Amino acid sequence: MTDLGNAEGLKLSVRYRGGLAVYVNGVEIARGHLKAGAAPDDLADDYPPGEPEQVRELADVSIPSAALREGANVLAFDVHRSAQPPAQVRPAGGFTEITAGTCGITAVRLTAPQG
């Protein structure tokens, strides 16, 4: 980042499984499906019954210019797993088959205004 004056209007969208906290340079800017102050081993919110894809989203989160600094900036994600929904676990030939993951980032998009 060479000119903080040009940093206005930055937006972040993240698709994920489980729960997520987002940080810019160590400052939390967003949280989804995760309680405040969650310890590293705390579970994210459960999936409601019938949530088929298990992909959640934080959309168009504004990145505050006050969280940015000149030079390199760090964008960090704290991902927490959710409990495995019973519908996603089934026996399969002496093994237990799990048909979907319960944590992870599936997509990240960072946008800036034109110009």
PDB file of N, CA and C in Angstrom:
ATOM      1  N   MET A   1       0.864  -1.156   0.000  1.00  0.00           N
ATOM      2  CA  MET A   1       0.000   0.000   0.000  1.00  0.00           C
ATOM      3  C   MET A   1       0.911   1.219   0.000  1.00  0.00           C
ATOM      4  N   THR A   2       0.810   2.007  -1.044  1.00  0.00           N
ATOM      5  CA  THR A   2       1.682   3.177  -1.128  1.00  0.00           C
ATOM      6  C   THR A   2       0.967   4.478  -0.813  1.00  0.00           C
ATOM      7  N   ASP A   3      -0.356   4.509  -0.955  1.00  0.00           N
ATOM      8  CA  ASP A   3      -1.112   5.734  -0.680  1.00  0.00           C
ATOM      9  C   ASP A   3      -2.413   5.366   0.027  1.00  0.00           C
ATOM     10  N   LEU A   4      -2.465   5.587   1.342  1.00  0.00           N
ATOM     11  CA  LEU A   4      -3.659   5.222   2.112  1.00  0.00           C
ATOM     12  C   LEU A   4      -4.891   6.005   1.673  1.00  0.00           C
ATOM     13  N   GLY A   5      -4.694   7.145   1.029  1.00  0.00           N
ATOM     14  CA  GLY A   5      -5.812   7.913   0.512  1.00  0.00           C
ATOM     15  C   GLY A   5      -6.580   7.172  -0.563  1.00  0.00           C
ATOM     16  N   ASN A   6      -5.935   6.215  -1.207  1.00  0.00           N
ATOM     17  CA  ASN A   6      -6.596   5.419  -2.246  1.00  0.00           C
ATOM     18  C   ASN A   6      -7.203   4.133  -1.695  1.00  0.00           C
ATOM     19  N   ALA A   7      -7.211   3.972  -0.393  1.00  0.00           N
ATOM     20  CA  ALA A   7      -7.679   2.721   0.215  1.00  0.00           C
ATOM     21  C   ALA A   7      -9.161   2.743   0.566  1.00  0.00           C
ATOM     22  N   GLU A   8      -9.845   3.837   0.318  1.00  0.00           N
ATOM     23  CA  GLU A   8     -11.272   3.917   0.638  1.00  0.00           C
ATOM     24  C   GLU A   8     -12.077   2.982  -0.250  1.00  0.00           C
ATOM     25  N   GLY A   9     -13.070   2.333   0.335  1.00  0.00           N
ATOM     26  CA  GLY A   9     -13.985   1.511  -0.444  1.00  0.00           C
ATOM     27  C   GLY A   9     -13.553   0.080  -0.691  1.00  0.00           C
ATOM     28  N   LEU A  10     -12.496  -0.385  -0.028  1.00  0.00           N
ATOM     29  CA  LEU A  10     -12.095  -1.782  -0.185  1.00  0.00           C
ATOM     30  C   LEU A  10     -13.154  -2.685   0.452  1.00  0.00           C
ATOM     31  N   LYS A  11     -13.500  -3.764  -0.246  1.00  0.00           N
ATOM     32  CA  LYS A  11     -14.508  -4.710   0.245  1.00  0.00           C
ATOM     33  C   LYS A  11     -13.962  -6.132   0.138  1.00  0.00           C
ATOM     34  N   LEU A  12     -14.348  -6.951   1.118  1.00  0.00           N
ATOM     35  CA  LEU A  12     -13.924  -8.341   1.172  1.00  0.00           C
ATOM     36  C   LEU A  12     -15.150  -9.239   1.236  1.00  0.00           C
ATOM     37  N   SER A  13     -15.157 -10.275   0.419  1.00  0.00           N
ATOM     38  CA  SER A  13     -16.193 -11.311   0.493  1.00  0.00           C
ATOM     39  C   SER A  13     -15.498 -12.644   0.653  1.00  0.00           C
ATOM     40  N   VAL A  14     -16.027 -13.478   1.553  1.00  0.00           N
ATOM     41  CA  VAL A  14     -15.427 -14.786   1.836  1.00  0.00           C
ATOM     42  C   VAL A  14     -16.537 -15.822   1.909  1.00  0.00           C
ATOM     43  N   ARG A  15     -16.350 -16.947   1.210  1.00  0.00           N
ATOM     44  CA  ARG A  15     -17.222 -18.114   1.366  1.00  0.00           C
ATOM     45  C   ARG A  15     -16.433 -19.138   2.166  1.00  0.00           C
ATOM     46  N   TYR A  16     -17.125 -19.780   3.112  1.00  0.00           N
ATOM     47  CA  TYR A  16     -16.418 -20.660   4.038  1.00  0.00           C
ATOM     48  C   TYR A  16     -17.362 -21.712   4.594  1.00  0.00           C
ATOM     49  N   ARG A  17     -16.769 -22.709   5.219  1.00  0.00           N
ATOM     50  CA  ARG A  17     -17.507 -23.709   5.993  1.00  0.00           C
ATOM     51  C   ARG A  17     -17.101 -23.535   7.449  1.00  0.00           C
ATOM     52  N   GLY A  18     -18.027 -23.745   8.364  1.00  0.00           N
ATOM     53  CA  GLY A  18     -17.732 -23.595   9.787  1.00  0.00           C
ATOM     54  C   GLY A  18     -17.968 -22.173  10.230  1.00  0.00           C
ATOM     55  N   GLY A  19     -17.008 -21.616  10.971  1.00  0.00           N
ATOM     56  CA  GLY A  19     -17.082 -20.246  11.451  1.00  0.00           C
ATOM     57  C   GLY A  19     -15.802 -19.515  11.105  1.00  0.00           C
ATOM     58  N   LEU A  20     -15.874 -18.193  11.102  1.00  0.00           N
ATOM     59  CA  LEU A  20     -14.750 -17.420  10.589  1.00  0.00           C
ATOM     60  C   LEU A  20     -14.638 -16.075  11.308  1.00  0.00           C
ATOM     61  N   ALA A  21     -13.403 -15.683  11.612  1.00  0.00           N
ATOM     62  CA  ALA A  21     -13.098 -14.319  12.041  1.00  0.00           C
ATOM     63  C   ALA A  21     -12.044 -13.796  11.074  1.00  0.00           C
ATOM     64  N   VAL A  22     -12.187 -12.523  10.681  1.00  0.00           N
ATOM     65  CA  VAL A  22     -11.292 -11.912   9.695  1.00  0.00           C
ATOM     66  C   VAL A  22     -10.553 -10.756  10.354  1.00  0.00           C
ATOM     67  N   TYR A  23      -9.252 -10.708  10.117  1.00  0.00           N
ATOM     68  CA  TYR A  23      -8.399  -9.677  10.704  1.00  0.00           C
ATOM     69  C   TYR A  23      -7.584  -8.980   9.621  1.00  0.00           C
ATOM     70  N   VAL A  24      -7.391  -7.672   9.790  1.00  0.00           N
ATOM     71  CA  VAL A  24      -6.464  -6.910   8.961  1.00  0.00           C
ATOM     72  C   VAL A  24      -5.440  -6.305   9.912  1.00  0.00           C
ATOM     73  N   ASN A  25      -4.190  -6.685   9.724  1.00  0.00           N
ATOM     74  CA  ASN A  25      -3.099  -6.208  10.581  1.00  0.00           C
ATOM     75  C   ASN A  25      -3.416  -6.403  12.064  1.00  0.00           C
ATOM     76  N   GLY A  26      -4.025  -7.539  12.391  1.00  0.00           N
ATOM     77  CA  GLY A  26      -4.307  -7.889  13.780  1.00  0.00           C
ATOM     78  C   GLY A  26      -5.580  -7.296  14.348  1.00  0.00           C
ATOM     79  N   VAL A  27      -6.322  -6.515  13.556  1.00  0.00           N
ATOM     80  CA  VAL A  27      -7.571  -5.901  13.997  1.00  0.00           C
ATOM     81  C   VAL A  27      -8.734  -6.673  13.393  1.00  0.00           C
ATOM     82  N   GLU A  28      -9.640  -7.164  14.245  1.00  0.00           N
ATOM     83  CA  GLU A  28     -10.791  -7.907  13.728  1.00  0.00           C
ATOM     84  C   GLU A  28     -11.723  -6.952  12.988  1.00  0.00           C
ATOM     85  N   ILE A  29     -12.115  -7.365  11.758  1.00  0.00           N
ATOM     86  CA  ILE A  29     -13.025  -6.538  10.969  1.00  0.00           C
ATOM     87  C   ILE A  29     -14.357  -7.237  10.702  1.00  0.00           C
ATOM     88  N   ALA A  30     -14.425  -8.556  10.907  1.00  0.00           N
ATOM     89  CA  ALA A  30     -15.681  -9.270  10.655  1.00  0.00           C
ATOM     90  C   ALA A  30     -15.643 -10.634  11.327  1.00  0.00           C
ATOM     91  N   ARG A  31     -16.846 -11.171  11.552  1.00  0.00           N
ATOM     92  CA  ARG A  31     -16.990 -12.483  12.182  1.00  0.00           C
ATOM     93  C   ARG A  31     -18.292 -13.082  11.678  1.00  0.00           C
ATOM     94  N   GLY A  32     -18.273 -14.374  11.394  1.00  0.00           N
ATOM     95  CA  GLY A  32     -19.491 -15.045  10.958  1.00  0.00           C
ATOM     96  C   GLY A  32     -19.601 -16.436  11.549  1.00  0.00           C
ATOM     97  N   HIS A  33     -20.757 -16.747  12.136  1.00  0.00           N
ATOM     98  CA  HIS A  33     -21.068 -18.072  12.677  1.00  0.00           C
ATOM     99  C   HIS A  33     -20.072 -18.519  13.743  1.00  0.00           C
ATOM    100  N   LEU A  34     -19.567 -17.544  14.502  1.00  0.00           N
ATOM    101  CA  LEU A  34     -18.560 -17.818  15.522  1.00  0.00           C
ATOM    102  C   LEU A  34     -18.763 -16.824  16.657  1.00  0.00           C
ATOM    103  N   LYS A  35     -18.848 -17.334  17.894  1.00  0.00           N
ATOM    104  CA  LYS A  35     -19.093 -16.446  19.030  1.00  0.00           C
ATOM    105  C   LYS A  35     -17.895 -15.528  19.274  1.00  0.00           C
ATOM    106  N   ALA A  36     -18.179 -14.375  19.826  1.00  0.00           N
ATOM    107  CA  ALA A  36     -17.120 -13.423  20.171  1.00  0.00           C
ATOM    108  C   ALA A  36     -16.176 -14.060  21.179  1.00  0.00           C
ATOM    109  N   GLY A  37     -14.892 -13.822  21.009  1.00  0.00           N
ATOM    110  CA  GLY A  37     -13.895 -14.329  21.940  1.00  0.00           C
ATOM    111  C   GLY A  37     -13.688 -15.826  21.890  1.00  0.00           C
ATOM    112  N   ALA A  38     -14.042 -16.468  20.786  1.00  0.00           N
ATOM    113  CA  ALA A  38     -13.912 -17.925  20.671  1.00  0.00           C
ATOM    114  C   ALA A  38     -12.460 -18.361  20.862  1.00  0.00           C
ATOM    115  N   ALA A  39     -12.273 -19.365  21.705  1.00  0.00           N
ATOM    116  CA  ALA A  39     -10.956 -19.970  21.902  1.00  0.00           C
ATOM    117  C   ALA A  39     -10.629 -20.818  20.672  1.00  0.00           C
ATOM    118  N   PRO A  40      -9.351 -21.133  20.442  1.00  0.00           N
ATOM    119  CA  PRO A  40      -8.977 -21.896  19.250  1.00  0.00           C
ATOM    120  C   PRO A  40      -9.720 -23.217  19.069  1.00  0.00           C
ATOM    121  N   ASP A  41     -10.112 -23.875  20.171  1.00  0.00           N
ATOM    122  CA  ASP A  41     -10.793 -25.157  20.028  1.00  0.00           C
ATOM    123  C   ASP A  41     -12.316 -25.050  20.146  1.00  0.00           C
ATOM    124  N   ASP A  42     -12.863 -23.841  20.197  1.00  0.00           N
ATOM    125  CA  ASP A  42     -14.314 -23.670  20.239  1.00  0.00           C
ATOM    126  C   ASP A  42     -14.922 -23.971  18.881  1.00  0.00           C
ATOM    127  N   LEU A  43     -16.081 -24.622  18.891  1.00  0.00           N
ATOM    128  CA  LEU A  43     -16.785 -24.925  17.651  1.00  0.00           C
ATOM    129  C   LEU A  43     -17.535 -23.706  17.137  1.00  0.00           C
ATOM    130  N   ALA A  44     -17.694 -23.652  15.827  1.00  0.00           N
ATOM    131  CA  ALA A  44     -18.538 -22.639  15.190  1.00  0.00           C
ATOM    132  C   ALA A  44     -19.991 -23.015  15.409  1.00  0.00           C
ATOM    133  N   ASP A  45     -20.888 -22.111  15.031  1.00  0.00           N
ATOM    134  CA  ASP A  45     -22.322 -22.388  15.124  1.00  0.00           C
ATOM    135  C   ASP A  45     -22.672 -23.641  14.326  1.00  0.00           C
ATOM    136  N   ASP A  46     -23.639 -24.404  14.835  1.00  0.00           N
ATOM    137  CA  ASP A  46     -24.121 -25.580  14.111  1.00  0.00           C
ATOM    138  C   ASP A  46     -24.818 -25.161  12.823  1.00  0.00           C
ATOM    139  N   TYR A  47     -24.842 -26.080  11.879  1.00  0.00           N
ATOM    140  CA  TYR A  47     -25.613 -25.873  10.658  1.00  0.00           C
ATOM    141  C   TYR A  47     -27.065 -26.205  10.940  1.00  0.00           C
ATOM    142  N   PRO A  48     -27.981 -25.369  10.466  1.00  0.00           N
ATOM    143  CA  PRO A  48     -29.385 -25.720  10.653  1.00  0.00           C
ATOM    144  C   PRO A  48     -29.736 -26.941   9.814  1.00  0.00           C
ATOM    145  N   PRO A  49     -30.709 -27.746  10.253  1.00  0.00           N
ATOM    146  CA  PRO A  49     -31.116 -28.901   9.447  1.00  0.00           C
ATOM    147  C   PRO A  49     -31.544 -28.440   8.050  1.00  0.00           C
ATOM    148  N   GLY A  50     -31.120 -29.173   7.062  1.00  0.00           N
ATOM    149  CA  GLY A  50     -31.514 -28.876   5.690  1.00  0.00           C
ATOM    150  C   GLY A  50     -30.670 -27.827   4.993  1.00  0.00           C
ATOM    151  N   GLU A  51     -29.588 -27.358   5.613  1.00  0.00           N
ATOM    152  CA  GLU A  51     -28.698 -26.419   4.919  1.00  0.00           C
ATOM    153  C   GLU A  51     -27.828 -27.258   3.989  1.00  0.00           C
ATOM    154  N   PRO A  52     -28.200 -27.360   2.707  1.00  0.00           N
ATOM    155  CA  PRO A  52     -27.623 -28.382   1.836  1.00  0.00           C
ATOM    156  C   PRO A  52     -26.145 -28.208   1.505  1.00  0.00           C
ATOM    157  N   GLU A  53     -25.712 -27.040   1.152  1.00  0.00           N
ATOM    158  CA  GLU A  53     -24.347 -26.864   0.677  1.00  0.00           C
ATOM    159  C   GLU A  53     -23.336 -26.665   1.794  1.00  0.00           C
ATOM    160  N   GLN A  54     -23.785 -26.225   2.940  1.00  0.00           N
ATOM    161  CA  GLN A  54     -22.913 -25.944   4.077  1.00  0.00           C
ATOM    162  C   GLN A  54     -21.857 -24.890   3.772  1.00  0.00           C
ATOM    163  N   VAL A  55     -22.099 -24.065   2.774  1.00  0.00           N
ATOM    164  CA  VAL A  55     -21.186 -22.967   2.493  1.00  0.00           C
ATOM    165  C   VAL A  55     -21.838 -21.682   2.988  1.00  0.00           C
ATOM    166  N   ARG A  56     -21.104 -20.975   3.816  1.00  0.00           N
ATOM    167  CA  ARG A  56     -21.587 -19.732   4.396  1.00  0.00           C
ATOM    168  C   ARG A  56     -20.826 -18.576   3.754  1.00  0.00           C
ATOM    169  N   GLU A  57     -21.310 -17.361   3.987  1.00  0.00           N
ATOM    170  CA  GLU A  57     -20.660 -16.228   3.313  1.00  0.00           C
ATOM    171  C   GLU A  57     -20.698 -14.962   4.160  1.00  0.00           C
ATOM    172  N   LEU A  58     -19.591 -14.265   4.155  1.00  0.00           N
ATOM    173  CA  LEU A  58     -19.528 -12.869   4.587  1.00  0.00           C
ATOM    174  C   LEU A  58     -19.383 -12.085   3.287  1.00  0.00           C
ATOM    175  N   ALA A  59     -20.327 -11.209   2.995  1.00  0.00           N
ATOM    176  CA  ALA A  59     -20.329 -10.525   1.705  1.00  0.00           C
ATOM    177  C   ALA A  59     -20.095  -9.032   1.857  1.00  0.00           C
ATOM    178  N   ASP A  60     -19.246  -8.510   1.017  1.00  0.00           N
ATOM    179  CA  ASP A  60     -18.983  -7.071   0.921  1.00  0.00           C
ATOM    180  C   ASP A  60     -18.690  -6.419   2.273  1.00  0.00           C
ATOM    181  N   VAL A  61     -17.792  -7.023   3.024  1.00  0.00           N
ATOM    182  CA  VAL A  61     -17.349  -6.460   4.300  1.00  0.00           C
ATOM    183  C   VAL A  61     -16.425  -5.277   4.001  1.00  0.00           C
ATOM    184  N   SER A  62     -16.732  -4.119   4.533  1.00  0.00           N
ATOM    185  CA  SER A  62     -15.873  -2.947   4.334  1.00  0.00           C
ATOM    186  C   SER A  62     -14.591  -3.106   5.138  1.00  0.00           C
ATOM    187  N   ILE A  63     -13.482  -2.849   4.490  1.00  0.00           N
ATOM    188  CA  ILE A  63     -12.194  -2.870   5.186  1.00  0.00           C
ATOM    189  C   ILE A  63     -11.906  -1.441   5.626  1.00  0.00           C
ATOM    190  N   PRO A  64     -11.914  -1.181   6.927  1.00  0.00           N
ATOM    191  CA  PRO A  64     -11.711   0.198   7.386  1.00  0.00           C
ATOM    192  C   PRO A  64     -10.309   0.689   7.048  1.00  0.00           C
ATOM    193  N   SER A  65     -10.238   1.873   6.488  1.00  0.00           N
ATOM    194  CA  SER A  65      -8.926   2.411   6.124  1.00  0.00           C
ATOM    195  C   SER A  65      -8.048   2.599   7.360  1.00  0.00           C
ATOM    196  N   ALA A  66      -8.666   2.784   8.542  1.00  0.00           N
ATOM    197  CA  ALA A  66      -7.892   2.934   9.784  1.00  0.00           C
ATOM    198  C   ALA A  66      -7.131   1.657  10.141  1.00  0.00           C
ATOM    199  N   ALA A  67      -7.567   0.501   9.621  1.00  0.00           N
ATOM    200  CA  ALA A  67      -6.879  -0.761   9.903  1.00  0.00           C
ATOM    201  C   ALA A  67      -5.679  -0.975   8.981  1.00  0.00           C
ATOM    202  N   LEU A  68      -5.575  -0.166   7.935  1.00  0.00           N
ATOM    203  CA  LEU A  68      -4.496  -0.324   6.957  1.00  0.00           C
ATOM    204  C   LEU A  68      -3.307   0.557   7.295  1.00  0.00           C
ATOM    205  N   ARG A  69      -2.163   0.186   6.731  1.00  0.00           N
ATOM    206  CA  ARG A  69      -0.948   0.972   6.922  1.00  0.00           C
ATOM    207  C   ARG A  69      -0.174   1.005   5.611  1.00  0.00           C
ATOM    208  N   GLU A  70       0.695   1.979   5.481  1.00  0.00           N
ATOM    209  CA  GLU A  70       1.534   2.035   4.284  1.00  0.00           C
ATOM    210  C   GLU A  70       2.479   0.840   4.305  1.00  0.00           C
ATOM    211  N   GLY A  71       2.784   0.334   3.133  1.00  0.00           N
ATOM    212  CA  GLY A  71       3.627  -0.847   3.018  1.00  0.00           C
ATOM    213  C   GLY A  71       2.772  -2.105   2.969  1.00  0.00           C
ATOM    214  N   ALA A  72       3.321  -3.207   3.436  1.00  0.00           N
ATOM    215  CA  ALA A  72       2.607  -4.489   3.404  1.00  0.00           C
ATOM    216  C   ALA A  72       1.529  -4.522   4.474  1.00  0.00           C
ATOM    217  N   ASN A  73       0.394  -5.116   4.139  1.00  0.00           N
ATOM    218  CA  ASN A  73      -0.714  -5.326   5.067  1.00  0.00           C
ATOM    219  C   ASN A  73      -0.996  -6.821   5.127  1.00  0.00           C
ATOM    220  N   VAL A  74      -1.494  -7.272   6.270  1.00  0.00           N
ATOM    221  CA  VAL A  74      -1.750  -8.700   6.458  1.00  0.00           C
ATOM    222  C   VAL A  74      -3.242  -8.921   6.634  1.00  0.00           C
ATOM    223  N   LEU A  75      -3.799  -9.793   5.803  1.00  0.00           N
ATOM    224  CA  LEU A  75      -5.191 -10.237   5.900  1.00  0.00           C
ATOM    225  C   LEU A  75      -5.150 -11.658   6.448  1.00  0.00           C
ATOM    226  N   ALA A  76      -5.804 -11.896   7.596  1.00  0.00           N
ATOM    227  CA  ALA A  76      -5.738 -13.208   8.246  1.00  0.00           C
ATOM    228  C   ALA A  76      -7.144 -13.731   8.524  1.00  0.00           C
ATOM    229  N   PHE A  77      -7.281 -15.055   8.455  1.00  0.00           N
ATOM    230  CA  PHE A  77      -8.553 -15.721   8.703  1.00  0.00           C
ATOM    231  C   PHE A  77      -8.380 -16.729   9.831  1.00  0.00           C
ATOM    232  N   ASP A  78      -9.281 -16.692  10.797  1.00  0.00           N
ATOM    233  CA  ASP A  78      -9.322 -17.664  11.887  1.00  0.00           C
ATOM    234  C   ASP A  78     -10.542 -18.543  11.616  1.00  0.00           C
ATOM    235  N   VAL A  79     -10.306 -19.769  11.168  1.00  0.00           N
ATOM    236  CA  VAL A  79     -11.375 -20.674  10.764  1.00  0.00           C
ATOM    237  C   VAL A  79     -11.613 -21.708  11.860  1.00  0.00           C
ATOM    238  N   HIS A  80     -12.885 -21.905  12.232  1.00  0.00           N
ATOM    239  CA  HIS A  80     -13.272 -22.888  13.248  1.00  0.00           C
ATOM    240  C   HIS A  80     -14.227 -23.892  12.636  1.00  0.00           C
ATOM    241  N   ARG A  81     -14.074 -25.136  13.009  1.00  0.00           N
ATOM    242  CA  ARG A  81     -14.971 -26.164  12.487  1.00  0.00           C
ATOM    243  C   ARG A  81     -16.304 -26.146  13.215  1.00  0.00           C
ATOM    244  N   SER A  82     -17.323 -26.592  12.504  1.00  0.00           N
ATOM    245  CA  SER A  82     -18.640 -26.825  13.103  1.00  0.00           C
ATOM    246  C   SER A  82     -18.740 -28.305  13.430  1.00  0.00           C
ATOM    247  N   ALA A  83     -19.711 -28.654  14.263  1.00  0.00           N
ATOM    248  CA  ALA A  83     -19.995 -30.071  14.498  1.00  0.00           C
ATOM    249  C   ALA A  83     -20.456 -30.692  13.183  1.00  0.00           C
ATOM    250  N   GLN A  84     -20.126 -31.947  12.985  1.00  0.00           N
ATOM    251  CA  GLN A  84     -20.526 -32.645  11.755  1.00  0.00           C
ATOM    252  C   GLN A  84     -22.027 -32.922  11.793  1.00  0.00           C
ATOM    253  N   PRO A  85     -22.792 -32.433  10.810  1.00  0.00           N
ATOM    254  CA  PRO A  85     -24.228 -32.737  10.784  1.00  0.00           C
ATOM    255  C   PRO A  85     -24.446 -34.238  10.613  1.00  0.00           C
ATOM    256  N   PRO A  86     -25.349 -34.833  11.387  1.00  0.00           N
ATOM    257  CA  PRO A  86     -25.573 -36.283  11.297  1.00  0.00           C
ATOM    258  C   PRO A  86     -25.895 -36.768   9.881  1.00  0.00           C
ATOM    259  N   ALA A  87     -26.555 -35.958   9.085  1.00  0.00           N
ATOM    260  CA  ALA A  87     -26.902 -36.371   7.721  1.00  0.00           C
ATOM    261  C   ALA A  87     -25.666 -36.532   6.837  1.00  0.00           C
ATOM    262  N   GLN A  88     -24.524 -35.983   7.254  1.00  0.00           N
ATOM    263  CA  GLN A  88     -23.301 -36.061   6.457  1.00  0.00           C
ATOM    264  C   GLN A  88     -22.389 -37.215   6.875  1.00  0.00           C
ATOM    265  N   VAL A  89     -22.832 -38.024   7.836  1.00  0.00           N
ATOM    266  CA  VAL A  89     -22.023 -39.141   8.322  1.00  0.00           C
ATOM    267  C   VAL A  89     -22.812 -40.430   8.121  1.00  0.00           C
ATOM    268  N   ARG A  90     -22.183 -41.406   7.451  1.00  0.00           N
ATOM    269  CA  ARG A  90     -22.877 -42.677   7.235  1.00  0.00           C
ATOM    270  C   ARG A  90     -21.864 -43.812   7.129  1.00  0.00           C
ATOM    271  N   PRO A  91     -22.299 -45.008   7.519  1.00  0.00           N
ATOM    272  CA  PRO A  91     -21.407 -46.166   7.393  1.00  0.00           C
ATOM    273  C   PRO A  91     -21.198 -46.514   5.923  1.00  0.00           C
ATOM    274  N   ALA A  92     -19.981 -46.953   5.613  1.00  0.00           N
ATOM    275  CA  ALA A  92     -19.650 -47.310   4.230  1.00  0.00           C
ATOM    276  C   ALA A  92     -18.597 -48.406   4.236  1.00  0.00           C
ATOM    277  N   GLY A  93     -19.032 -49.655   4.138  1.00  0.00           N
ATOM    278  CA  GLY A  93     -18.112 -50.782   4.023  1.00  0.00           C
ATOM    279  C   GLY A  93     -17.104 -50.887   5.152  1.00  0.00           C
ATOM    280  N   GLY A  94     -17.543 -50.781   6.389  1.00  0.00           N
ATOM    281  CA  GLY A  94     -16.642 -50.895   7.525  1.00  0.00           C
ATOM    282  C   GLY A  94     -15.965 -49.589   7.900  1.00  0.00           C
ATOM    283  N   PHE A  95     -16.184 -48.553   7.142  1.00  0.00           N
ATOM    284  CA  PHE A  95     -15.638 -47.226   7.427  1.00  0.00           C
ATOM    285  C   PHE A  95     -16.786 -46.280   7.739  1.00  0.00           C
ATOM    286  N   THR A  96     -16.439 -45.112   8.182  1.00  0.00           N
ATOM    287  CA  THR A  96     -17.425 -44.045   8.333  1.00  0.00           C
ATOM    288  C   THR A  96     -17.141 -43.031   7.240  1.00  0.00           C
ATOM    289  N   GLU A  97     -18.116 -42.798   6.401  1.00  0.00           N
ATOM    290  CA  GLU A  97     -17.964 -41.838   5.305  1.00  0.00           C
ATOM    291  C   GLU A  97     -18.523 -40.488   5.744  1.00  0.00           C
ATOM    292  N   ILE A  98     -17.739 -39.449   5.538  1.00  0.00           N
ATOM    293  CA  ILE A  98     -18.164 -38.076   5.818  1.00  0.00           C
ATOM    294  C   ILE A  98     -18.233 -37.380   4.469  1.00  0.00           C
ATOM    295  N   THR A  99     -19.422 -36.895   4.133  1.00  0.00           N
ATOM    296  CA  THR A  99     -19.643 -36.401   2.774  1.00  0.00           C
ATOM    297  C   THR A  99     -19.381 -34.913   2.591  1.00  0.00           C
ATOM    298  N   ALA A 100     -19.104 -34.186   3.665  1.00  0.00           N
ATOM    299  CA  ALA A 100     -18.798 -32.758   3.535  1.00  0.00           C
ATOM    300  C   ALA A 100     -17.887 -32.332   4.668  1.00  0.00           C
ATOM    301  N   GLY A 101     -17.002 -31.398   4.382  1.00  0.00           N
ATOM    302  CA  GLY A 101     -16.121 -30.850   5.404  1.00  0.00           C
ATOM    303  C   GLY A 101     -16.865 -29.853   6.274  1.00  0.00           C
ATOM    304  N   THR A 102     -16.336 -29.597   7.461  1.00  0.00           N
ATOM    305  CA  THR A 102     -16.998 -28.671   8.373  1.00  0.00           C
ATOM    306  C   THR A 102     -16.179 -27.418   8.641  1.00  0.00           C
ATOM    307  N   CYS A 103     -15.065 -27.252   7.945  1.00  0.00           N
ATOM    308  CA  CYS A 103     -14.335 -25.991   8.063  1.00  0.00           C
ATOM    309  C   CYS A 103     -13.464 -25.789   6.835  1.00  0.00           C
ATOM    310  N   GLY A 104     -13.223 -24.557   6.535  1.00  0.00           N
ATOM    311  CA  GLY A 104     -12.349 -24.215   5.429  1.00  0.00           C
ATOM    312  C   GLY A 104     -12.863 -23.012   4.669  1.00  0.00           C
ATOM    313  N   ILE A 105     -11.976 -22.424   3.897  1.00  0.00           N
ATOM    314  CA  ILE A 105     -12.328 -21.293   3.044  1.00  0.00           C
ATOM    315  C   ILE A 105     -12.463 -21.816   1.629  1.00  0.00           C
ATOM    316  N   THR A 106     -13.566 -21.485   0.980  1.00  0.00           N
ATOM    317  CA  THR A 106     -13.789 -21.961  -0.386  1.00  0.00           C
ATOM    318  C   THR A 106     -13.574 -20.872  -1.432  1.00  0.00           C
ATOM    319  N   ALA A 107     -13.679 -19.587  -1.037  1.00  0.00           N
ATOM    320  CA  ALA A 107     -13.465 -18.497  -1.991  1.00  0.00           C
ATOM    321  C   ALA A 107     -13.205 -17.197  -1.234  1.00  0.00           C
ATOM    322  N   VAL A 108     -12.339 -16.360  -1.802  1.00  0.00           N
ATOM    323  CA  VAL A 108     -12.044 -15.040  -1.241  1.00  0.00           C
ATOM    324  C   VAL A 108     -12.024 -14.053  -2.401  1.00  0.00           C
ATOM    325  N   ARG A 109     -12.695 -12.899  -2.189  1.00  0.00           N
ATOM    326  CA  ARG A 109     -12.682 -11.844  -3.206  1.00  0.00           C
ATOM    327  C   ARG A 109     -12.438 -10.500  -2.516  1.00  0.00           C
ATOM    328  N   LEU A 110     -11.419  -9.791  -2.963  1.00  0.00           N
ATOM    329  CA  LEU A 110     -11.116  -8.457  -2.461  1.00  0.00           C
ATOM    330  C   LEU A 110     -11.345  -7.491  -3.617  1.00  0.00           C
ATOM    331  N   THR A 111     -12.185  -6.485  -3.405  1.00  0.00           N
ATOM    332  CA  THR A 111     -12.507  -5.540  -4.485  1.00  0.00           C
ATOM    333  C   THR A 111     -12.207  -4.109  -4.040  1.00  0.00           C
ATOM    334  N   ALA A 112     -11.977  -3.279  -5.025  1.00  0.00           N
ATOM    335  CA  ALA A 112     -11.729  -1.856  -4.801  1.00  0.00           C
ATOM    336  C   ALA A 112     -12.557  -1.073  -5.822  1.00  0.00           C
ATOM    337  N   PRO A 113     -12.932   0.148  -5.481  1.00  0.00           N
ATOM    338  CA  PRO A 113     -13.645   0.956  -6.463  1.00  0.00           C
ATOM    339  C   PRO A 113     -12.799   1.167  -7.710  1.00  0.00           C
ATOM    340  N   GLN A 114     -13.451   1.350  -8.809  1.00  0.00           N
ATOM    341  CA  GLN A 114     -12.726   1.563 -10.064  1.00  0.00           C
ATOM    342  C   GLN A 114     -11.866   2.813  -9.956  1.00  0.00           C
ATOM    343  N   GLY A 115     -10.649   2.695 -10.457  1.00  0.00           N
ATOM    344  CA  GLY A 115      -9.738   3.838 -10.429  1.00  0.00           C
ATOM    345  C   GLY A 115      -8.810   3.778  -9.260  1.00  0.00           C
TER     346      GLY A 115
END
